[in-house]
């Protein structure tokens, strides 16, 4: 990618940073919100194998 960017190295650096920032913004605003409902992160089950017991009142 570096060789395809026009200009001297300071301009290339600025262009590369802008391109990186654009990719990050695209991921956080479009891709991640689109894919989040399709991921099973909210289907959490915690089971330690012990059945809950009722406690006796006073």
C-alpha atoms as a PDB file:
ATOM      1  CA  UNK A   1       0.000   0.000   0.000  1.00  0.00           C
ATOM      2  CA  UNK A   2       2.847   2.355   0.834  1.00  0.00           C
ATOM      3  CA  UNK A   3       4.224   2.260  -2.714  1.00  0.00           C
ATOM      4  CA  UNK A   4       0.816   2.991  -4.255  1.00  0.00           C
ATOM      5  CA  UNK A   5       0.283   6.219  -2.261  1.00  0.00           C
ATOM      6  CA  UNK A   6       1.344   9.384  -4.090  1.00  0.00           C
ATOM      7  CA  UNK A   7       3.674  12.035  -2.711  1.00  0.00           C
ATOM      8  CA  UNK A   8       6.673  12.186  -0.399  1.00  0.00           C
ATOM      9  CA  UNK A   9       6.778  10.158   2.808  1.00  0.00           C
ATOM     10  CA  UNK A  10       5.069  12.775   5.071  1.00  0.00           C
ATOM     11  CA  UNK A  11       2.127  12.908   2.680  1.00  0.00           C
ATOM     12  CA  UNK A  12       2.081   9.122   2.430  1.00  0.00           C
ATOM     13  CA  UNK A  13       2.042   8.890   6.221  1.00  0.00           C
ATOM     14  CA  UNK A  14      -0.903  11.275   6.440  1.00  0.00           C
ATOM     15  CA  UNK A  15      -2.762   9.407   3.711  1.00  0.00           C
ATOM     16  CA  UNK A  16      -2.111   6.063   5.424  1.00  0.00           C
ATOM     17  CA  UNK A  17      -3.372   7.414   8.761  1.00  0.00           C
ATOM     18  CA  UNK A  18      -6.507   8.809   7.127  1.00  0.00           C
ATOM     19  CA  UNK A  19      -7.136   5.483   5.382  1.00  0.00           C
ATOM     20  CA  UNK A  20      -6.646   3.592   8.658  1.00  0.00           C
ATOM     21  CA  UNK A  21      -9.026   5.940  10.474  1.00  0.00           C
ATOM     22  CA  UNK A  22     -11.615   5.531   7.697  1.00  0.00           C
ATOM     23  CA  UNK A  23     -11.428   1.741   8.006  1.00  0.00           C
ATOM     24  CA  UNK A  24     -11.840   1.931  11.798  1.00  0.00           C
ATOM     25  CA  UNK A  25     -14.842   4.258  11.489  1.00  0.00           C
ATOM     26  CA  UNK A  26     -16.407   1.992   8.874  1.00  0.00           C
ATOM     27  CA  UNK A  27     -15.943  -1.039  11.116  1.00  0.00           C
ATOM     28  CA  UNK A  28     -17.410   0.609  14.214  1.00  0.00           C
ATOM     29  CA  UNK A  29     -20.362   2.288  12.464  1.00  0.00           C
ATOM     30  CA  UNK A  30     -21.363  -0.326   9.869  1.00  0.00           C
ATOM     31  CA  UNK A  31     -19.745  -3.736  10.207  1.00  0.00           C
ATOM     32  CA  UNK A  32     -19.776  -4.309  13.980  1.00  0.00           C
ATOM     33  CA  UNK A  33     -23.410  -3.161  14.491  1.00  0.00           C
ATOM     34  CA  UNK A  34     -24.476  -5.380  11.574  1.00  0.00           C
ATOM     35  CA  UNK A  35     -22.685  -8.479  12.866  1.00  0.00           C
ATOM     36  CA  UNK A  36     -23.403  -8.033  16.611  1.00  0.00           C
ATOM     37  CA  UNK A  37     -26.912  -9.604  16.600  1.00  0.00           C
ATOM     38  CA  UNK A  38     -25.509 -12.637  14.786  1.00  0.00           C
ATOM     39  CA  UNK A  39     -22.911 -13.407  17.470  1.00  0.00           C
ATOM     40  CA  UNK A  40     -23.823 -15.631  20.433  1.00  0.00           C
ATOM     41  CA  UNK A  41     -22.210 -13.461  23.134  1.00  0.00           C
ATOM     42  CA  UNK A  42     -25.521 -12.853  24.924  1.00  0.00           C
ATOM     43  CA  UNK A  43     -26.417 -16.561  25.143  1.00  0.00           C
ATOM     44  CA  UNK A  44     -24.583 -17.145  28.406  1.00  0.00           C
ATOM     45  CA  UNK A  45     -25.409 -19.997  30.744  1.00  0.00           C
ATOM     46  CA  UNK A  46     -23.589 -20.415  34.011  1.00  0.00           C
ATOM     47  CA  UNK A  47     -24.078 -23.779  35.642  1.00  0.00           C
ATOM     48  CA  UNK A  48     -21.922 -25.103  38.441  1.00  0.00           C
ATOM     49  CA  UNK A  49     -23.777 -28.407  38.670  1.00  0.00           C
ATOM     50  CA  UNK A  50     -25.325 -27.694  42.079  1.00  0.00           C
ATOM     51  CA  UNK A  51     -29.098 -27.447  42.342  1.00  0.00           C
ATOM     52  CA  UNK A  52     -30.406 -24.437  44.253  1.00  0.00           C
ATOM     53  CA  UNK A  53     -31.734 -25.255  47.734  1.00  0.00           C
ATOM     54  CA  UNK A  54     -34.546 -23.590  49.601  1.00  0.00           C
ATOM     55  CA  UNK A  55     -33.625 -21.965  52.878  1.00  0.00           C
ATOM     56  CA  UNK A  56     -35.866 -22.331  55.905  1.00  0.00           C
ATOM     57  CA  UNK A  57     -37.280 -19.167  57.361  1.00  0.00           C
ATOM     58  CA  UNK A  58     -37.036 -18.189  61.055  1.00  0.00           C
END
